[in-house]
C-alpha cells in the first residue's frame, strides 16, 4: 500500500508517518520503481503500535524502548513494568499540575462575577496588573506557585521581555 492508504487506515498524517520513519520507529518501506514508498502489513502493525503508545502519552524514546523489547522476546518484562510505572508517575505529576492550574484559574475567575464593560472587568484588570509586575491572585509573589515552586520568570521580568530567575 502507498503512504496515503496507510494514512487513511491508521488516521495518522502522512508527514507524521515520514517523521516516524526518519526517527527509526517505523521500518523503512520498500520503494517502487518510480520511488514511491510501498508499505506492508508489518509496517501497518508497527505504526498501529506507535500510535497506541502515543495515545497513552508515551515519548518517542519510550516507544523505541518498547519496540526493542517487542523485538527481543527474551528480555525481562520487569524493565517494561518499570517503564510503565515511570509513565504513571508522569501522569500523576501532570494531574497535580492541572489541579494547580485549575486553582489558579478559579482564583482569577473569582475576580469578576457580573457582566461589565471590559474596562471594568476584574479578570482583565488582574491580568494587566500582573503583566506590570503586581502580585496577582493566581500566583504568589516572587514568581512562585502555591507549592513554593519557582517559575522560570516573574511578571516584571516578562514585562520587560527578559527572563528573570528568582529575585534578590
N, C-alpha and C. Protein backbone atom coordinates (compact mmCIF):
# COMPACT_ATOMS: atom_id res chain seq x y z
N UNK A 1 0.84 -1.18 0.00
CA UNK A 1 0.00 0.00 0.00
C UNK A 1 0.89 1.24 0.00
N UNK A 2 0.38 2.31 -0.55
CA UNK A 2 1.10 3.58 -0.59
C UNK A 2 0.87 4.33 0.72
N UNK A 3 1.65 5.37 0.94
CA UNK A 3 1.60 6.12 2.20
C UNK A 3 0.21 6.72 2.45
N UNK A 4 -0.48 7.15 1.41
CA UNK A 4 -1.82 7.70 1.58
C UNK A 4 -2.78 6.68 2.14
N UNK A 5 -2.69 5.46 1.65
CA UNK A 5 -3.56 4.38 2.14
C UNK A 5 -3.21 4.04 3.58
N UNK A 6 -1.92 3.99 3.90
CA UNK A 6 -1.50 3.74 5.28
C UNK A 6 -2.04 4.84 6.19
N UNK A 7 -2.00 6.06 5.73
CA UNK A 7 -2.53 7.20 6.47
C UNK A 7 -4.03 7.04 6.70
N UNK A 8 -4.76 6.68 5.68
CA UNK A 8 -6.21 6.51 5.80
C UNK A 8 -6.56 5.37 6.76
N UNK A 9 -5.82 4.27 6.68
CA UNK A 9 -6.13 3.12 7.53
C UNK A 9 -5.85 3.38 9.01
N UNK A 10 -4.86 4.22 9.28
CA UNK A 10 -4.46 4.44 10.67
C UNK A 10 -4.95 5.77 11.24
N UNK A 11 -5.33 6.70 10.36
CA UNK A 11 -5.69 8.04 10.82
C UNK A 11 -4.49 8.89 11.15
N UNK A 12 -3.33 8.45 10.74
CA UNK A 12 -2.07 9.15 11.01
C UNK A 12 -1.69 10.00 9.80
N UNK A 13 -1.32 11.24 10.04
CA UNK A 13 -0.94 12.14 8.95
C UNK A 13 0.29 11.61 8.20
N UNK A 14 0.33 11.86 6.91
CA UNK A 14 1.44 11.41 6.06
C UNK A 14 2.78 11.93 6.60
N UNK A 15 2.83 13.21 6.97
CA UNK A 15 4.09 13.78 7.47
C UNK A 15 4.52 13.11 8.76
N UNK A 16 3.58 12.71 9.59
CA UNK A 16 3.91 12.02 10.84
C UNK A 16 4.48 10.64 10.54
N UNK A 17 3.93 9.97 9.56
CA UNK A 17 4.46 8.66 9.16
C UNK A 17 5.91 8.83 8.70
N UNK A 18 6.16 9.82 7.87
CA UNK A 18 7.53 10.07 7.40
C UNK A 18 8.46 10.40 8.57
N UNK A 19 7.95 11.16 9.53
CA UNK A 19 8.74 11.51 10.71
C UNK A 19 9.11 10.24 11.49
N UNK A 20 8.14 9.35 11.70
CA UNK A 20 8.43 8.11 12.41
C UNK A 20 9.47 7.27 11.67
N UNK A 21 9.44 7.32 10.35
CA UNK A 21 10.47 6.62 9.57
C UNK A 21 11.84 7.24 9.82
N UNK A 22 11.92 8.57 9.75
CA UNK A 22 13.20 9.26 9.96
C UNK A 22 13.75 8.99 11.36
N UNK A 23 12.85 8.86 12.34
CA UNK A 23 13.26 8.61 13.72
C UNK A 23 13.62 7.14 13.96
N UNK A 24 13.39 6.29 12.97
CA UNK A 24 13.71 4.88 13.11
C UNK A 24 12.68 4.08 13.88
N UNK A 25 11.52 4.66 14.15
CA UNK A 25 10.47 3.93 14.86
C UNK A 25 9.69 3.02 13.91
N UNK A 26 9.59 3.43 12.69
CA UNK A 26 8.88 2.68 11.66
C UNK A 26 9.91 2.18 10.67
N UNK A 27 9.91 0.88 10.41
CA UNK A 27 10.91 0.34 9.49
C UNK A 27 10.75 0.94 8.10
N UNK A 28 11.86 1.06 7.43
CA UNK A 28 11.85 1.68 6.11
C UNK A 28 11.11 0.79 5.11
N UNK A 29 10.18 1.38 4.39
CA UNK A 29 9.42 0.58 3.43
C UNK A 29 10.22 0.33 2.15
N UNK A 30 9.78 -0.65 1.41
CA UNK A 30 10.34 -0.88 0.08
C UNK A 30 9.93 0.29 -0.81
N UNK A 31 10.65 0.48 -1.90
CA UNK A 31 10.31 1.54 -2.86
C UNK A 31 9.94 0.90 -4.18
N UNK A 32 8.95 1.50 -4.82
CA UNK A 32 8.58 1.03 -6.16
C UNK A 32 9.63 1.54 -7.14
N UNK A 33 9.55 1.07 -8.37
CA UNK A 33 10.49 1.51 -9.40
C UNK A 33 10.43 3.02 -9.60
N UNK A 34 9.28 3.60 -9.37
CA UNK A 34 9.15 5.05 -9.52
C UNK A 34 9.46 5.80 -8.23
N UNK A 35 9.90 5.09 -7.18
CA UNK A 35 10.34 5.73 -5.94
C UNK A 35 9.29 5.88 -4.86
N UNK A 36 8.07 5.40 -5.13
CA UNK A 36 7.02 5.51 -4.12
C UNK A 36 7.25 4.50 -2.99
N UNK A 37 6.95 4.92 -1.77
CA UNK A 37 7.04 4.01 -0.63
C UNK A 37 5.93 2.97 -0.76
N UNK A 38 6.27 1.70 -0.50
CA UNK A 38 5.30 0.60 -0.54
C UNK A 38 5.31 -0.06 0.84
N UNK A 39 4.22 0.12 1.56
CA UNK A 39 4.11 -0.40 2.93
C UNK A 39 3.45 -1.77 2.95
N UNK A 40 3.86 -2.56 3.93
CA UNK A 40 3.32 -3.90 4.11
C UNK A 40 2.46 -3.95 5.38
N UNK A 41 1.87 -5.10 5.60
CA UNK A 41 1.10 -5.30 6.83
C UNK A 41 2.01 -5.16 8.05
N UNK A 42 3.29 -5.48 7.90
CA UNK A 42 4.23 -5.35 9.01
C UNK A 42 4.37 -3.88 9.43
N UNK A 43 4.53 -2.98 8.46
CA UNK A 43 4.63 -1.56 8.79
C UNK A 43 3.31 -1.02 9.34
N UNK A 44 2.20 -1.53 8.85
CA UNK A 44 0.90 -1.15 9.38
C UNK A 44 0.84 -1.51 10.87
N UNK A 45 1.27 -2.70 11.21
CA UNK A 45 1.30 -3.12 12.61
C UNK A 45 2.25 -2.26 13.45
N UNK A 46 3.42 -1.94 12.90
CA UNK A 46 4.38 -1.08 13.61
C UNK A 46 3.76 0.29 13.88
N UNK A 47 3.13 0.84 12.87
CA UNK A 47 2.53 2.17 13.02
C UNK A 47 1.39 2.13 14.03
N UNK A 48 0.56 1.11 13.99
CA UNK A 48 -0.51 1.00 14.97
C UNK A 48 0.05 0.86 16.40
N UNK A 49 1.16 0.15 16.54
CA UNK A 49 1.83 0.03 17.84
C UNK A 49 2.29 1.40 18.32
N UNK A 50 2.94 2.15 17.44
CA UNK A 50 3.42 3.50 17.78
C UNK A 50 2.25 4.39 18.19
N UNK A 51 1.19 4.37 17.38
CA UNK A 51 0.04 5.23 17.65
C UNK A 51 -0.65 4.86 18.96
N UNK A 52 -0.71 3.58 19.26
CA UNK A 52 -1.32 3.15 20.52
C UNK A 52 -0.49 3.67 21.70
N UNK A 53 0.82 3.52 21.60
CA UNK A 53 1.70 4.02 22.67
C UNK A 53 1.59 5.54 22.81
N UNK A 54 1.52 6.25 21.68
CA UNK A 54 1.38 7.72 21.73
C UNK A 54 0.06 8.10 22.38
N UNK A 55 -0.99 7.31 22.14
CA UNK A 55 -2.29 7.61 22.75
C UNK A 55 -2.23 7.47 24.27
N UNK A 56 -1.23 6.78 24.77
CA UNK A 56 -1.02 6.62 26.21
C UNK A 56 -0.03 7.65 26.74
N UNK A 57 0.34 8.62 25.89
CA UNK A 57 1.21 9.71 26.30
C UNK A 57 2.68 9.35 26.37
N UNK A 58 3.07 8.25 25.76
CA UNK A 58 4.47 7.83 25.83
C UNK A 58 5.33 8.63 24.88
N UNK A 59 6.54 8.86 25.32
CA UNK A 59 7.50 9.59 24.50
C UNK A 59 8.03 8.68 23.39
N UNK A 60 8.66 9.30 22.40
CA UNK A 60 9.25 8.50 21.32
C UNK A 60 10.37 7.61 21.86
N UNK A 61 11.12 8.09 22.84
CA UNK A 61 12.18 7.28 23.44
C UNK A 61 11.59 6.04 24.12
N UNK A 62 10.48 6.22 24.84
CA UNK A 62 9.84 5.08 25.48
C UNK A 62 9.30 4.10 24.45
N UNK A 63 8.74 4.62 23.38
CA UNK A 63 8.22 3.76 22.32
C UNK A 63 9.36 2.99 21.67
N UNK A 64 10.48 3.65 21.47
CA UNK A 64 11.66 2.99 20.91
C UNK A 64 12.09 1.83 21.83
N UNK A 65 12.09 2.07 23.13
CA UNK A 65 12.45 1.02 24.09
C UNK A 65 11.45 -0.13 24.05
N UNK A 66 10.17 0.19 24.01
CA UNK A 66 9.16 -0.87 23.95
C UNK A 66 9.26 -1.67 22.66
N UNK A 67 9.57 -1.00 21.57
CA UNK A 67 9.75 -1.71 20.29
C UNK A 67 10.94 -2.65 20.38
N UNK A 68 12.00 -2.22 21.06
CA UNK A 68 13.16 -3.10 21.25
C UNK A 68 12.79 -4.30 22.11
N UNK A 69 11.98 -4.08 23.14
CA UNK A 69 11.52 -5.20 23.98
C UNK A 69 10.67 -6.15 23.15
N UNK A 70 9.83 -5.58 22.29
CA UNK A 70 8.97 -6.40 21.43
C UNK A 70 9.80 -7.26 20.48
N UNK A 71 10.90 -6.70 19.99
CA UNK A 71 11.77 -7.42 19.05
C UNK A 71 12.59 -8.49 19.75
N UNK A 72 12.89 -8.30 21.04
CA UNK A 72 13.70 -9.25 21.81
C UNK A 72 12.80 -9.93 22.83
N UNK A 73 12.24 -11.07 22.45
CA UNK A 73 11.29 -11.78 23.31
C UNK A 73 11.94 -12.33 24.57
N UNK A 74 13.26 -12.37 24.63
CA UNK A 74 13.96 -12.91 25.79
C UNK A 74 14.17 -11.87 26.88
N UNK A 75 13.86 -10.62 26.58
CA UNK A 75 14.08 -9.53 27.54
C UNK A 75 13.13 -9.67 28.72
N UNK A 76 13.59 -9.34 29.90
CA UNK A 76 12.79 -9.44 31.12
C UNK A 76 11.71 -8.36 31.11
N UNK A 77 10.49 -8.73 31.43
CA UNK A 77 9.39 -7.76 31.39
C UNK A 77 9.42 -6.80 32.57
N UNK A 78 10.30 -7.01 33.54
CA UNK A 78 10.42 -6.07 34.66
C UNK A 78 10.81 -4.69 34.15
N UNK A 79 11.63 -4.65 33.10
CA UNK A 79 12.01 -3.35 32.51
C UNK A 79 10.79 -2.66 31.88
N UNK A 80 9.92 -3.45 31.31
CA UNK A 80 8.69 -2.91 30.73
C UNK A 80 7.79 -2.38 31.85
N UNK A 81 7.68 -3.15 32.93
CA UNK A 81 6.89 -2.69 34.08
C UNK A 81 7.43 -1.37 34.61
N UNK A 82 8.74 -1.27 34.71
CA UNK A 82 9.37 -0.05 35.21
C UNK A 82 9.07 1.13 34.28
N UNK A 83 9.12 0.91 32.99
CA UNK A 83 8.81 1.96 32.03
C UNK A 83 7.37 2.45 32.21
N UNK A 84 6.45 1.53 32.38
CA UNK A 84 5.05 1.90 32.58
C UNK A 84 4.86 2.58 33.93
N UNK A 85 5.55 2.12 34.96
CA UNK A 85 5.47 2.78 36.26
C UNK A 85 5.96 4.23 36.16
N UNK A 86 7.02 4.45 35.40
CA UNK A 86 7.51 5.82 35.20
C UNK A 86 6.48 6.67 34.46
N UNK A 87 5.79 6.07 33.50
CA UNK A 87 4.75 6.79 32.77
C UNK A 87 3.60 7.15 33.71
N UNK A 88 3.25 6.24 34.58
CA UNK A 88 2.19 6.50 35.56
C UNK A 88 2.60 7.66 36.47
N UNK A 89 3.86 7.69 36.90
CA UNK A 89 4.35 8.79 37.74
C UNK A 89 4.27 10.12 37.00
N UNK A 90 4.60 10.11 35.71
CA UNK A 90 4.50 11.34 34.91
C UNK A 90 3.05 11.82 34.84
N UNK A 91 2.13 10.88 34.68
CA UNK A 91 0.71 11.23 34.62
C UNK A 91 0.27 11.84 35.94
N UNK A 92 0.73 11.28 37.06
CA UNK A 92 0.38 11.84 38.37
C UNK A 92 0.89 13.28 38.49
N UNK A 93 2.10 13.53 38.00
CA UNK A 93 2.65 14.89 38.03
C UNK A 93 1.81 15.83 37.17
N UNK A 94 1.39 15.36 36.02
CA UNK A 94 0.57 16.18 35.13
C UNK A 94 -0.79 16.48 35.76
N UNK A 95 -1.36 15.50 36.43
CA UNK A 95 -2.64 15.70 37.09
C UNK A 95 -2.49 16.76 38.18
N UNK A 96 -1.43 16.68 38.96
CA UNK A 96 -1.20 17.67 40.01
C UNK A 96 -0.99 19.06 39.41
N UNK A 97 -0.25 19.14 38.32
CA UNK A 97 -0.05 20.44 37.66
C UNK A 97 -1.37 21.00 37.14
N UNK A 98 -2.23 20.14 36.62
CA UNK A 98 -3.54 20.59 36.15
C UNK A 98 -4.43 21.03 37.31
N UNK A 99 -4.33 20.36 38.44
CA UNK A 99 -5.11 20.79 39.62
C UNK A 99 -4.67 22.18 40.07
N UNK A 100 -3.37 22.41 40.08
CA UNK A 100 -2.85 23.73 40.44
C UNK A 100 -3.33 24.78 39.44
N UNK A 101 -3.26 24.45 38.17
CA UNK A 101 -3.73 25.38 37.15
C UNK A 101 -5.21 25.68 37.34
N UNK A 102 -5.99 24.67 37.65
CA UNK A 102 -7.42 24.88 37.89
C UNK A 102 -7.63 25.84 39.06
N UNK A 103 -6.88 25.65 40.15
CA UNK A 103 -6.99 26.53 41.31
C UNK A 103 -6.64 27.97 40.93
N UNK A 104 -5.60 28.13 40.13
CA UNK A 104 -5.18 29.46 39.70
C UNK A 104 -6.26 30.11 38.84
N UNK A 105 -6.83 29.36 37.93
CA UNK A 105 -7.88 29.89 37.07
C UNK A 105 -9.15 30.21 37.85
N UNK A 106 -9.48 29.38 38.83
CA UNK A 106 -10.65 29.64 39.67
C UNK A 106 -10.45 30.92 40.48
N UNK A 107 -9.24 31.12 40.99
CA UNK A 107 -8.95 32.36 41.74
C UNK A 107 -9.08 33.57 40.81
N UNK A 108 -8.60 33.42 39.59
CA UNK A 108 -8.72 34.51 38.63
C UNK A 108 -10.19 34.74 38.26
N UNK A 109 -10.93 33.68 38.04
CA UNK A 109 -12.34 33.79 37.67
C UNK A 109 -13.15 34.46 38.77
N UNK A 110 -12.72 34.27 39.98
CA UNK A 110 -13.41 34.84 41.13
C UNK A 110 -13.29 36.37 41.17
N UNK A 111 -12.46 36.94 40.34
CA UNK A 111 -12.28 38.40 40.31
C UNK A 111 -13.40 39.12 39.56
N UNK A 112 -14.26 38.39 38.88
CA UNK A 112 -15.33 39.03 38.12
C UNK A 112 -16.54 38.10 38.06
N UNK A 113 -17.67 38.57 38.64
CA UNK A 113 -18.87 37.74 38.64
C UNK A 113 -20.00 38.31 37.81
N UNK A 114 -19.94 39.58 37.53
CA UNK A 114 -21.02 40.24 36.81
C UNK A 114 -20.57 40.63 35.41
N UNK A 115 -21.54 41.00 34.62
CA UNK A 115 -21.25 41.49 33.26
C UNK A 115 -20.90 42.97 33.35
N UNK A 116 -19.70 43.32 32.88
CA UNK A 116 -19.21 44.69 32.89
C UNK A 116 -18.60 45.00 31.54
N UNK A 117 -18.40 46.26 31.26
CA UNK A 117 -17.55 46.60 30.12
C UNK A 117 -16.14 46.06 30.39
N UNK A 118 -15.43 45.72 29.36
CA UNK A 118 -14.09 45.15 29.52
C UNK A 118 -13.19 46.01 30.41
N UNK A 119 -13.33 47.33 30.34
CA UNK A 119 -12.51 48.23 31.14
C UNK A 119 -12.72 48.01 32.64
N UNK A 120 -13.87 47.47 33.04
CA UNK A 120 -14.18 47.25 34.45
C UNK A 120 -14.08 45.79 34.86
N UNK A 121 -13.61 44.94 33.99
CA UNK A 121 -13.53 43.51 34.27
C UNK A 121 -12.39 43.22 35.24
N UNK A 122 -12.71 42.60 36.34
CA UNK A 122 -11.70 42.26 37.35
C UNK A 122 -10.66 41.29 36.85
N UNK A 123 -11.06 40.38 36.00
CA UNK A 123 -10.10 39.41 35.44
C UNK A 123 -9.08 40.14 34.58
N UNK A 124 -9.57 40.97 33.68
CA UNK A 124 -8.67 41.70 32.79
C UNK A 124 -7.78 42.64 33.58
N UNK A 125 -8.33 43.32 34.57
CA UNK A 125 -7.52 44.22 35.39
C UNK A 125 -6.42 43.44 36.12
N UNK A 126 -6.75 42.29 36.66
CA UNK A 126 -5.76 41.46 37.36
C UNK A 126 -4.65 41.03 36.41
N UNK A 127 -5.02 40.61 35.20
CA UNK A 127 -4.01 40.18 34.23
C UNK A 127 -3.11 41.34 33.82
N UNK A 128 -3.69 42.51 33.61
CA UNK A 128 -2.90 43.69 33.23
C UNK A 128 -1.96 44.08 34.37
N UNK A 129 -2.48 44.11 35.59
CA UNK A 129 -1.65 44.46 36.74
C UNK A 129 -0.50 43.46 36.92
N UNK A 130 -0.79 42.18 36.73
CA UNK A 130 0.25 41.16 36.84
C UNK A 130 1.31 41.35 35.77
N UNK A 131 0.89 41.70 34.57
CA UNK A 131 1.84 41.94 33.48
C UNK A 131 2.74 43.13 33.79
N UNK A 132 2.24 44.05 34.62
CA UNK A 132 3.01 45.23 35.00
C UNK A 132 3.84 44.99 36.25
N UNK A 133 3.80 43.77 36.79
CA UNK A 133 4.65 43.42 37.92
C UNK A 133 3.96 43.31 39.26
N UNK A 134 2.68 43.61 39.33
CA UNK A 134 1.95 43.49 40.60
C UNK A 134 1.67 42.03 40.91
N UNK A 135 1.59 41.70 42.21
CA UNK A 135 1.20 40.33 42.56
C UNK A 135 -0.23 40.07 42.07
N UNK A 136 -0.52 38.83 41.77
CA UNK A 136 -1.87 38.51 41.32
C UNK A 136 -2.44 37.37 42.16
N UNK A 137 -3.73 37.18 42.08
CA UNK A 137 -4.40 36.15 42.88
C UNK A 137 -4.04 34.74 42.43
N UNK A 138 -3.61 34.59 41.19
CA UNK A 138 -3.34 33.24 40.70
C UNK A 138 -1.88 32.81 40.89
N UNK A 139 -1.02 33.73 41.31
CA UNK A 139 0.37 33.39 41.61
C UNK A 139 0.78 34.11 42.88
N UNK A 140 1.59 33.46 43.66
CA UNK A 140 2.08 34.12 44.86
C UNK A 140 3.21 35.06 44.46
N UNK A 141 3.60 35.98 45.31
CA UNK A 141 4.69 36.90 44.97
C UNK A 141 5.98 36.17 44.63
N UNK A 142 6.84 36.83 43.92
CA UNK A 142 8.16 36.37 43.55
C UNK A 142 8.15 35.17 42.62
N UNK A 143 7.08 35.05 41.83
CA UNK A 143 7.06 34.03 40.79
C UNK A 143 6.97 32.61 41.28
N UNK A 144 6.41 32.40 42.46
CA UNK A 144 6.26 31.04 42.96
C UNK A 144 4.81 30.64 42.93
N UNK A 145 4.56 29.36 42.65
CA UNK A 145 3.19 28.88 42.69
C UNK A 145 2.82 28.55 44.14
N UNK A 146 1.64 28.04 44.36
CA UNK A 146 1.17 27.78 45.71
C UNK A 146 1.92 26.67 46.43
N UNK A 147 2.80 25.97 45.72
CA UNK A 147 3.59 24.90 46.34
C UNK A 147 5.03 25.32 46.56
N UNK A 148 5.33 26.61 46.36
CA UNK A 148 6.69 27.10 46.56
C UNK A 148 7.64 26.82 45.42
N UNK A 149 7.13 26.34 44.28
CA UNK A 149 7.99 26.08 43.13
C UNK A 149 8.21 27.37 42.37
N UNK A 150 9.45 27.63 42.02
CA UNK A 150 9.76 28.86 41.31
C UNK A 150 9.46 28.70 39.83
N UNK A 151 8.86 29.73 39.23
CA UNK A 151 8.65 29.75 37.79
C UNK A 151 9.94 30.22 37.14
N UNK A 152 10.09 30.02 35.83
CA UNK A 152 11.28 30.44 35.12
C UNK A 152 11.37 31.95 34.97
N UNK A 153 10.28 32.65 35.23
CA UNK A 153 10.29 34.10 35.11
C UNK A 153 9.28 34.68 36.07
N UNK A 154 9.42 35.95 36.35
CA UNK A 154 8.39 36.63 37.14
C UNK A 154 7.66 37.59 36.23
N UNK A 155 6.58 38.16 36.74
CA UNK A 155 5.78 39.04 35.91
C UNK A 155 6.56 40.26 35.46
N UNK A 156 7.36 40.87 36.35
CA UNK A 156 8.11 42.07 35.98
C UNK A 156 9.15 41.74 34.92
N UNK A 157 9.83 40.61 35.09
CA UNK A 157 10.83 40.20 34.09
C UNK A 157 10.19 39.96 32.74
N UNK A 158 9.02 39.33 32.74
CA UNK A 158 8.32 39.07 31.49
C UNK A 158 7.89 40.40 30.85
N UNK A 159 7.44 41.35 31.70
CA UNK A 159 7.00 42.64 31.17
C UNK A 159 8.15 43.31 30.42
N UNK A 160 9.34 43.17 30.94
CA UNK A 160 10.50 43.78 30.33
C UNK A 160 11.08 42.93 29.21
N UNK A 161 10.46 41.78 28.93
CA UNK A 161 10.87 40.93 27.83
C UNK A 161 12.09 40.11 28.13
N UNK A 162 12.45 39.96 29.38
CA UNK A 162 13.62 39.16 29.69
C UNK A 162 13.30 38.19 30.82
N UNK A 163 13.80 36.96 30.71
CA UNK A 163 13.56 36.01 31.79
C UNK A 163 14.29 36.48 33.05
N UNK A 164 13.75 36.13 34.19
CA UNK A 164 14.36 36.54 35.44
C UNK A 164 14.24 35.38 36.41
N UNK A 165 15.36 34.77 36.74
CA UNK A 165 15.36 33.64 37.66
C UNK A 165 15.46 34.16 39.09
N UNK A 166 14.37 34.04 39.83
CA UNK A 166 14.36 34.46 41.22
C UNK A 166 14.53 35.96 41.38
N UNK A 167 14.43 36.42 42.60
CA UNK A 167 14.66 37.83 42.92
C UNK A 167 15.60 37.91 44.09
N UNK A 168 16.37 38.98 44.17
CA UNK A 168 17.28 39.11 45.32
C UNK A 168 16.54 39.28 46.61
